[in-house]
Amino acid sequence: MSWLLWLAAAWITWQWLRKPAPAPQPAEPAPLPPPLEDERLRWVALAWPMTGQADEAFHSAEPSRDPAAQERKVRPALLHLFGLRNDMQAPQLQAALAQQLREGWYRLDLDRPHPDDDLRDAMAFACGRVAFAVRLAGMLGWIDDATQWQLLQRNAGRAQDCFDSWRDFGEAWARGRRQWVMRSRADSLGVPFDAAQVEAWVSDPDHLWGWLSWRPDQPV
């Protein structure tokens, strides 16, 4: 009988060894950060065509997961947009930027228009760039949180006063960017787009410009 027991044990062991190893389970994807509330989302959505240069925190209520990497990516171009020197250290930068934005945020990109510029298109371009620059400055700690949201709200207010919809704003911005770069002015944080691309965005119910109303009291 002992040899039968030994044979049974060997067979069980062999069956166990020939079982394939369980397949590794895929890692759970990292949860998406919570989005901003609709009103603040509306303010930052003005910057949509530029947001490929920003991380996931741009539209989120949570801080950036890697602000140092974000700063390395955008610092020179962002300081150029603000008209500040690239060699500024953090305290000097924060003080200079806070003063500049308090005194003249609304003049960014509108200081010295070319005589042939269409001013309405220039306004759309400026509103989009200000939304992007101010939001990034807040994410990087260059300006305090209260200043960030106050400026974004004011910038959104002037955009809503000047334009009727995301489509109207986006098409004007596309033209405004085109006239900006045609005059040998830099927009290294931006990307080219046109009216067809704007139409695709506003027609997509999953896109910010497709589901978010232009004004709080206006249907989509």
C-alpha atoms as a PDB file:
ATOM      1  CA  MET A   1       0.000   0.000   0.000  1.00  0.00           C
ATOM      2  CA  SER A   2       2.859   2.370   0.721  1.00  0.00           C
ATOM      3  CA  TRP A   3       3.881   2.441  -2.909  1.00  0.00           C
ATOM      4  CA  LEU A   4       0.277   3.304  -3.873  1.00  0.00           C
ATOM      5  CA  LEU A   5       0.308   6.224  -1.435  1.00  0.00           C
ATOM      6  CA  TRP A   6       3.644   7.340  -2.819  1.00  0.00           C
ATOM      7  CA  LEU A   7       2.337   7.111  -6.386  1.00  0.00           C
ATOM      8  CA  ALA A   8      -0.797   9.121  -5.499  1.00  0.00           C
ATOM      9  CA  ALA A   9       1.281  11.809  -3.817  1.00  0.00           C
ATOM     10  CA  ALA A  10       3.617  11.996  -6.815  1.00  0.00           C
ATOM     11  CA  TRP A  11       0.667  12.299  -9.215  1.00  0.00           C
ATOM     12  CA  ILE A  12      -0.910  15.107  -7.131  1.00  0.00           C
ATOM     13  CA  THR A  13       2.443  16.922  -6.992  1.00  0.00           C
ATOM     14  CA  TRP A  14       2.900  16.557 -10.758  1.00  0.00           C
ATOM     15  CA  GLN A  15      -0.603  17.883 -11.402  1.00  0.00           C
ATOM     16  CA  TRP A  16       0.076  20.853  -9.141  1.00  0.00           C
ATOM     17  CA  LEU A  17       3.404  21.647 -10.813  1.00  0.00           C
ATOM     18  CA  ARG A  18       1.961  21.573 -14.327  1.00  0.00           C
ATOM     19  CA  LYS A  19      -0.706  24.170 -13.495  1.00  0.00           C
ATOM     20  CA  PRO A  20       0.071  27.440 -15.251  1.00  0.00           C
ATOM     21  CA  ALA A  21       1.045  30.335 -13.005  1.00  0.00           C
ATOM     22  CA  PRO A  22      -1.823  32.775 -12.537  1.00  0.00           C
ATOM     23  CA  ALA A  23      -1.665  35.655 -14.993  1.00  0.00           C
ATOM     24  CA  PRO A  24      -0.526  38.920 -13.401  1.00  0.00           C
ATOM     25  CA  GLN A  25      -3.429  41.241 -12.792  1.00  0.00           C
ATOM     26  CA  PRO A  26      -3.182  44.636 -14.479  1.00  0.00           C
ATOM     27  CA  ALA A  27      -2.418  47.468 -12.108  1.00  0.00           C
ATOM     28  CA  GLU A  28      -5.362  49.624 -11.180  1.00  0.00           C
ATOM     29  CA  PRO A  29      -5.190  52.929 -13.074  1.00  0.00           C
ATOM     30  CA  ALA A  30      -4.475  55.956 -10.941  1.00  0.00           C
ATOM     31  CA  PRO A  31      -7.737  57.697 -10.073  1.00  0.00           C
ATOM     32  CA  LEU A  32      -8.370  60.915 -11.957  1.00  0.00           C
ATOM     33  CA  PRO A  33      -8.089  64.027  -9.795  1.00  0.00           C
ATOM     34  CA  PRO A  34     -11.396  65.692  -8.999  1.00  0.00           C
ATOM     35  CA  PRO A  35     -12.300  68.398 -11.509  1.00  0.00           C
ATOM     36  CA  LEU A  36     -12.793  72.017 -10.629  1.00  0.00           C
ATOM     37  CA  GLU A  37     -16.308  73.238  -9.968  1.00  0.00           C
ATOM     38  CA  ASP A  38     -18.045  74.385 -13.162  1.00  0.00           C
ATOM     39  CA  GLU A  39     -17.531  78.109 -12.639  1.00  0.00           C
ATOM     40  CA  ARG A  40     -13.779  77.864 -12.143  1.00  0.00           C
ATOM     41  CA  LEU A  41     -13.598  75.247 -14.878  1.00  0.00           C
ATOM     42  CA  ARG A  42     -15.223  77.797 -17.194  1.00  0.00           C
ATOM     43  CA  TRP A  43     -12.504  80.319 -16.356  1.00  0.00           C
ATOM     44  CA  VAL A  44      -9.608  77.938 -17.073  1.00  0.00           C
ATOM     45  CA  ALA A  45     -11.299  76.365 -20.123  1.00  0.00           C
ATOM     46  CA  LEU A  46     -10.566  79.616 -21.948  1.00  0.00           C
ATOM     47  CA  ALA A  47      -7.008  78.298 -22.251  1.00  0.00           C
ATOM     48  CA  TRP A  48      -7.994  74.983 -23.871  1.00  0.00           C
ATOM     49  CA  PRO A  49      -5.850  75.178 -27.060  1.00  0.00           C
ATOM     50  CA  MET A  50      -2.728  75.655 -24.921  1.00  0.00           C
ATOM     51  CA  THR A  51      -3.325  73.025 -22.243  1.00  0.00           C
ATOM     52  CA  GLY A  52      -1.198  70.352 -23.909  1.00  0.00           C
ATOM     53  CA  GLN A  53       1.684  72.155 -22.197  1.00  0.00           C
ATOM     54  CA  ALA A  54       0.159  71.631 -18.724  1.00  0.00           C
ATOM     55  CA  ASP A  55      -0.305  68.582 -16.522  1.00  0.00           C
ATOM     56  CA  GLU A  56      -3.576  67.075 -15.280  1.00  0.00           C
ATOM     57  CA  ALA A  57      -3.832  69.560 -12.415  1.00  0.00           C
ATOM     58  CA  PHE A  58      -4.733  72.370 -14.824  1.00  0.00           C
ATOM     59  CA  HIS A  59      -8.432  71.433 -14.750  1.00  0.00           C
ATOM     60  CA  SER A  60      -8.313  69.832 -11.324  1.00  0.00           C
ATOM     61  CA  ALA A  61      -9.101  70.860  -7.775  1.00  0.00           C
ATOM     62  CA  GLU A  62      -5.914  69.107  -6.618  1.00  0.00           C
ATOM     63  CA  PRO A  63      -2.361  70.462  -6.868  1.00  0.00           C
ATOM     64  CA  SER A  64       0.106  69.311  -9.474  1.00  0.00           C
ATOM     65  CA  ARG A  65       1.726  65.959  -8.702  1.00  0.00           C
ATOM     66  CA  ASP A  66       5.095  67.169  -9.990  1.00  0.00           C
ATOM     67  CA  PRO A  67       5.272  70.979  -9.991  1.00  0.00           C
ATOM     68  CA  ALA A  68       9.058  70.923 -10.460  1.00  0.00           C
ATOM     69  CA  ALA A  69       8.718  69.031 -13.752  1.00  0.00           C
ATOM     70  CA  GLN A  70       5.941  71.351 -14.857  1.00  0.00           C
ATOM     71  CA  GLU A  71       8.079  74.407 -14.068  1.00  0.00           C
ATOM     72  CA  ARG A  72      11.070  73.041 -15.976  1.00  0.00           C
ATOM     73  CA  LYS A  73       8.836  72.522 -19.002  1.00  0.00           C
ATOM     74  CA  VAL A  74       7.267  75.976 -19.154  1.00  0.00           C
ATOM     75  CA  ARG A  75       9.436  78.375 -17.139  1.00  0.00           C
ATOM     76  CA  PRO A  76      11.366  80.208 -19.929  1.00  0.00           C
ATOM     77  CA  ALA A  77       8.345  80.649 -22.198  1.00  0.00           C
ATOM     78  CA  LEU A  78       6.041  81.602 -19.320  1.00  0.00           C
ATOM     79  CA  LEU A  79       8.460  84.229 -18.018  1.00  0.00           C
ATOM     80  CA  HIS A  80       8.802  85.577 -21.559  1.00  0.00           C
ATOM     81  CA  LEU A  81       5.022  85.867 -21.780  1.00  0.00           C
ATOM     82  CA  PHE A  82       4.990  87.832 -18.514  1.00  0.00           C
ATOM     83  CA  GLY A  83       7.967  89.944 -19.618  1.00  0.00           C
ATOM     84  CA  LEU A  84      10.157  88.806 -16.698  1.00  0.00           C
ATOM     85  CA  ARG A  85      13.818  87.734 -16.656  1.00  0.00           C
ATOM     86  CA  ASN A  86      14.585  84.034 -16.641  1.00  0.00           C
ATOM     87  CA  ASP A  87      17.251  84.391 -13.942  1.00  0.00           C
ATOM     88  CA  MET A  88      14.815  85.562 -11.244  1.00  0.00           C
ATOM     89  CA  GLN A  89      14.800  83.528  -8.055  1.00  0.00           C
ATOM     90  CA  ALA A  90      11.523  82.496  -6.407  1.00  0.00           C
ATOM     91  CA  PRO A  91      11.017  85.391  -3.920  1.00  0.00           C
ATOM     92  CA  GLN A  92      12.030  88.001  -6.497  1.00  0.00           C
ATOM     93  CA  LEU A  93       9.834  86.389  -9.139  1.00  0.00           C
ATOM     94  CA  GLN A  94       6.824  86.194  -6.834  1.00  0.00           C
ATOM     95  CA  ALA A  95       7.116  89.833  -5.804  1.00  0.00           C
ATOM     96  CA  ALA A  96       7.615  91.123  -9.359  1.00  0.00           C
ATOM     97  CA  LEU A  97       4.808  89.045 -10.824  1.00  0.00           C
ATOM     98  CA  ALA A  98       2.316  89.944  -8.098  1.00  0.00           C
ATOM     99  CA  GLN A  99       2.947  93.640  -8.676  1.00  0.00           C
ATOM    100  CA  GLN A 100       2.820  93.342 -12.458  1.00  0.00           C
ATOM    101  CA  LEU A 101      -0.443  91.408 -12.487  1.00  0.00           C
ATOM    102  CA  ARG A 102      -2.128  93.706  -9.990  1.00  0.00           C
ATOM    103  CA  GLU A 103      -1.209  96.757 -12.040  1.00  0.00           C
ATOM    104  CA  GLY A 104      -1.747  95.526 -15.575  1.00  0.00           C
ATOM    105  CA  TRP A 105      -2.869  91.923 -16.139  1.00  0.00           C
ATOM    106  CA  TYR A 106      -5.412  93.195 -18.680  1.00  0.00           C
ATOM    107  CA  ARG A 107      -2.640  94.682 -20.850  1.00  0.00           C
ATOM    108  CA  LEU A 108      -0.821  91.378 -21.422  1.00  0.00           C
ATOM    109  CA  ASP A 109      -0.482  90.841 -25.193  1.00  0.00           C
ATOM    110  CA  LEU A 110      -2.459  94.052 -25.822  1.00  0.00           C
ATOM    111  CA  ASP A 111       0.201  96.638 -24.951  1.00  0.00           C
ATOM    112  CA  ARG A 112       1.498  97.394 -28.417  1.00  0.00           C
ATOM    113  CA  PRO A 113      -0.850  96.104 -31.112  1.00  0.00           C
ATOM    114  CA  HIS A 114       0.272  96.295 -34.699  1.00  0.00           C
ATOM    115  CA  PRO A 115      -1.677  98.934 -36.670  1.00  0.00           C
ATOM    116  CA  ASP A 116      -3.099  96.191 -38.895  1.00  0.00           C
ATOM    117  CA  ASP A 117      -4.171  93.896 -36.057  1.00  0.00           C
ATOM    118  CA  ASP A 118      -7.870  93.130 -35.693  1.00  0.00           C
ATOM    119  CA  LEU A 119      -8.415  94.174 -32.081  1.00  0.00           C
ATOM    120  CA  ARG A 120     -11.288  91.778 -31.412  1.00  0.00           C
ATOM    121  CA  ASP A 121      -9.184  88.838 -32.567  1.00  0.00           C
ATOM    122  CA  ALA A 122      -6.279  90.185 -30.496  1.00  0.00           C
ATOM    123  CA  MET A 123      -8.563  90.274 -27.454  1.00  0.00           C
ATOM    124  CA  ALA A 124      -9.495  86.595 -27.878  1.00  0.00           C
ATOM    125  CA  PHE A 125      -5.831  85.642 -28.184  1.00  0.00           C
ATOM    126  CA  ALA A 126      -4.989  87.685 -25.073  1.00  0.00           C
ATOM    127  CA  CYS A 127      -7.858  86.205 -23.021  1.00  0.00           C
ATOM    128  CA  GLY A 128      -6.752  82.660 -23.841  1.00  0.00           C
ATOM    129  CA  ARG A 129      -3.100  83.320 -23.066  1.00  0.00           C
ATOM    130  CA  VAL A 130      -3.871  85.155 -19.829  1.00  0.00           C
ATOM    131  CA  ALA A 131      -6.058  82.250 -18.662  1.00  0.00           C
ATOM    132  CA  PHE A 132      -3.234  79.813 -19.374  1.00  0.00           C
ATOM    133  CA  ALA A 133      -0.447  81.928 -17.894  1.00  0.00           C
ATOM    134  CA  VAL A 134      -2.280  82.910 -14.707  1.00  0.00           C
ATOM    135  CA  ARG A 135      -3.467  79.353 -14.036  1.00  0.00           C
ATOM    136  CA  LEU A 136       0.058  78.005 -14.483  1.00  0.00           C
ATOM    137  CA  ALA A 137       1.505  80.756 -12.286  1.00  0.00           C
ATOM    138  CA  GLY A 138      -0.940  79.708  -9.568  1.00  0.00           C
ATOM    139  CA  MET A 139      -0.111  76.018  -9.979  1.00  0.00           C
ATOM    140  CA  LEU A 140       3.615  76.763  -9.695  1.00  0.00           C
ATOM    141  CA  GLY A 141       3.214  78.951  -6.615  1.00  0.00           C
ATOM    142  CA  TRP A 142       4.322  82.120  -8.408  1.00  0.00           C
ATOM    143  CA  ILE A 143       1.134  83.867  -7.260  1.00  0.00           C
ATOM    144  CA  ASP A 144      -1.126  83.123  -4.323  1.00  0.00           C
ATOM    145  CA  ASP A 145      -4.353  81.191  -4.742  1.00  0.00           C
ATOM    146  CA  ALA A 146      -6.687  84.134  -4.108  1.00  0.00           C
ATOM    147  CA  THR A 147      -4.927  86.296  -6.720  1.00  0.00           C
ATOM    148  CA  GLN A 148      -5.009  83.465  -9.239  1.00  0.00           C
ATOM    149  CA  TRP A 149      -8.778  82.961  -9.053  1.00  0.00           C
ATOM    150  CA  GLN A 150      -9.547  86.668  -8.885  1.00  0.00           C
ATOM    151  CA  LEU A 151      -7.593  87.322 -12.095  1.00  0.00           C
ATOM    152  CA  LEU A 152      -9.051  84.283 -13.846  1.00  0.00           C
ATOM    153  CA  GLN A 153     -12.552  85.470 -12.973  1.00  0.00           C
ATOM    154  CA  ARG A 154     -11.879  88.963 -14.302  1.00  0.00           C
ATOM    155  CA  ASN A 155     -10.308  87.591 -17.456  1.00  0.00           C
ATOM    156  CA  ALA A 156     -13.319  85.333 -18.049  1.00  0.00           C
ATOM    157  CA  GLY A 157     -15.628  88.303 -17.482  1.00  0.00           C
ATOM    158  CA  ARG A 158     -14.044  90.345 -20.255  1.00  0.00           C
ATOM    159  CA  ALA A 159     -14.081  87.330 -22.590  1.00  0.00           C
ATOM    160  CA  GLN A 160     -17.796  86.779 -21.924  1.00  0.00           C
ATOM    161  CA  ASP A 161     -18.455  90.482 -22.554  1.00  0.00           C
ATOM    162  CA  CYS A 162     -16.609  90.425 -25.891  1.00  0.00           C
ATOM    163  CA  PHE A 163     -17.701  87.061 -27.319  1.00  0.00           C
ATOM    164  CA  ASP A 164     -20.998  85.212 -27.577  1.00  0.00           C
ATOM    165  CA  SER A 165     -19.967  81.558 -27.355  1.00  0.00           C
ATOM    166  CA  TRP A 166     -17.059  79.125 -27.290  1.00  0.00           C
ATOM    167  CA  ARG A 167     -17.272  79.002 -31.071  1.00  0.00           C
ATOM    168  CA  ASP A 168     -17.132  82.788 -31.425  1.00  0.00           C
ATOM    169  CA  PHE A 169     -14.248  83.019 -28.963  1.00  0.00           C
ATOM    170  CA  GLY A 170     -12.294  80.092 -30.422  1.00  0.00           C
ATOM    171  CA  GLU A 171     -12.556  81.270 -34.025  1.00  0.00           C
ATOM    172  CA  ALA A 172     -11.428  84.757 -33.009  1.00  0.00           C
ATOM    173  CA  TRP A 173      -8.515  83.263 -31.059  1.00  0.00           C
ATOM    174  CA  ALA A 174      -7.417  81.202 -34.078  1.00  0.00           C
ATOM    175  CA  ARG A 175      -7.348  84.353 -36.194  1.00  0.00           C
ATOM    176  CA  GLY A 176      -5.709  86.322 -33.384  1.00  0.00           C
ATOM    177  CA  ARG A 177      -2.911  83.806 -33.015  1.00  0.00           C
ATOM    178  CA  ARG A 178      -2.369  83.790 -36.765  1.00  0.00           C
ATOM    179  CA  GLN A 179      -1.983  87.567 -36.894  1.00  0.00           C
ATOM    180  CA  TRP A 180       0.247  87.466 -33.800  1.00  0.00           C
ATOM    181  CA  VAL A 181       2.811  85.045 -35.251  1.00  0.00           C
ATOM    182  CA  MET A 182       2.677  86.678 -38.701  1.00  0.00           C
ATOM    183  CA  ARG A 183       4.221  89.762 -37.060  1.00  0.00           C
ATOM    184  CA  SER A 184       7.174  87.653 -35.821  1.00  0.00           C
ATOM    185  CA  ARG A 185       5.818  87.520 -32.276  1.00  0.00           C
ATOM    186  CA  ALA A 186       6.414  84.341 -30.261  1.00  0.00           C
ATOM    187  CA  ASP A 187       3.754  81.961 -28.968  1.00  0.00           C
ATOM    188  CA  SER A 188       5.910  78.992 -28.051  1.00  0.00           C
ATOM    189  CA  LEU A 189       3.380  77.734 -25.477  1.00  0.00           C
ATOM    190  CA  GLY A 190       0.554  77.764 -28.008  1.00  0.00           C
ATOM    191  CA  VAL A 191      -0.359  75.614 -30.993  1.00  0.00           C
ATOM    192  CA  PRO A 192      -1.882  76.460 -34.371  1.00  0.00           C
ATOM    193  CA  PHE A 193      -5.569  75.645 -34.858  1.00  0.00           C
ATOM    194  CA  ASP A 194      -8.362  76.839 -37.099  1.00  0.00           C
ATOM    195  CA  ALA A 195     -12.134  77.235 -37.330  1.00  0.00           C
ATOM    196  CA  ALA A 196     -12.572  73.568 -38.302  1.00  0.00           C
ATOM    197  CA  GLN A 197     -10.794  72.459 -35.138  1.00  0.00           C
ATOM    198  CA  VAL A 198     -12.897  74.831 -33.046  1.00  0.00           C
ATOM    199  CA  GLU A 199     -16.043  73.385 -34.632  1.00  0.00           C
ATOM    200  CA  ALA A 200     -14.892  69.865 -33.720  1.00  0.00           C
ATOM    201  CA  TRP A 201     -14.366  70.905 -30.105  1.00  0.00           C
ATOM    202  CA  VAL A 202     -17.679  72.690 -29.651  1.00  0.00           C
ATOM    203  CA  SER A 203     -19.577  69.866 -31.396  1.00  0.00           C
ATOM    204  CA  ASP A 204     -18.131  67.165 -29.137  1.00  0.00           C
ATOM    205  CA  PRO A 205     -20.407  66.566 -26.096  1.00  0.00           C
ATOM    206  CA  ASP A 206     -17.416  65.140 -24.183  1.00  0.00           C
ATOM    207  CA  HIS A 207     -15.229  68.186 -24.776  1.00  0.00           C
ATOM    208  CA  LEU A 208     -15.113  71.086 -22.316  1.00  0.00           C
ATOM    209  CA  TRP A 209     -16.169  73.501 -25.037  1.00  0.00           C
ATOM    210  CA  GLY A 210     -18.974  71.143 -26.019  1.00  0.00           C
ATOM    211  CA  TRP A 211     -20.708  70.555 -22.669  1.00  0.00           C
ATOM    212  CA  LEU A 212     -19.746  73.595 -20.579  1.00  0.00           C
ATOM    213  CA  SER A 213     -21.929  76.652 -21.146  1.00  0.00           C
ATOM    214  CA  TRP A 214     -20.197  79.851 -22.233  1.00  0.00           C
ATOM    215  CA  ARG A 215     -21.840  81.809 -19.397  1.00  0.00           C
ATOM    216  CA  PRO A 216     -23.301  80.426 -16.138  1.00  0.00           C
ATOM    217  CA  ASP A 217     -26.818  81.559 -17.100  1.00  0.00           C
ATOM    218  CA  GLN A 218     -26.612  80.416 -20.712  1.00  0.00           C
ATOM    219  CA  PRO A 219     -27.590  76.965 -22.030  1.00  0.00           C
ATOM    220  CA  VAL A 220     -24.925  74.962 -23.828  1.00  0.00           C
END
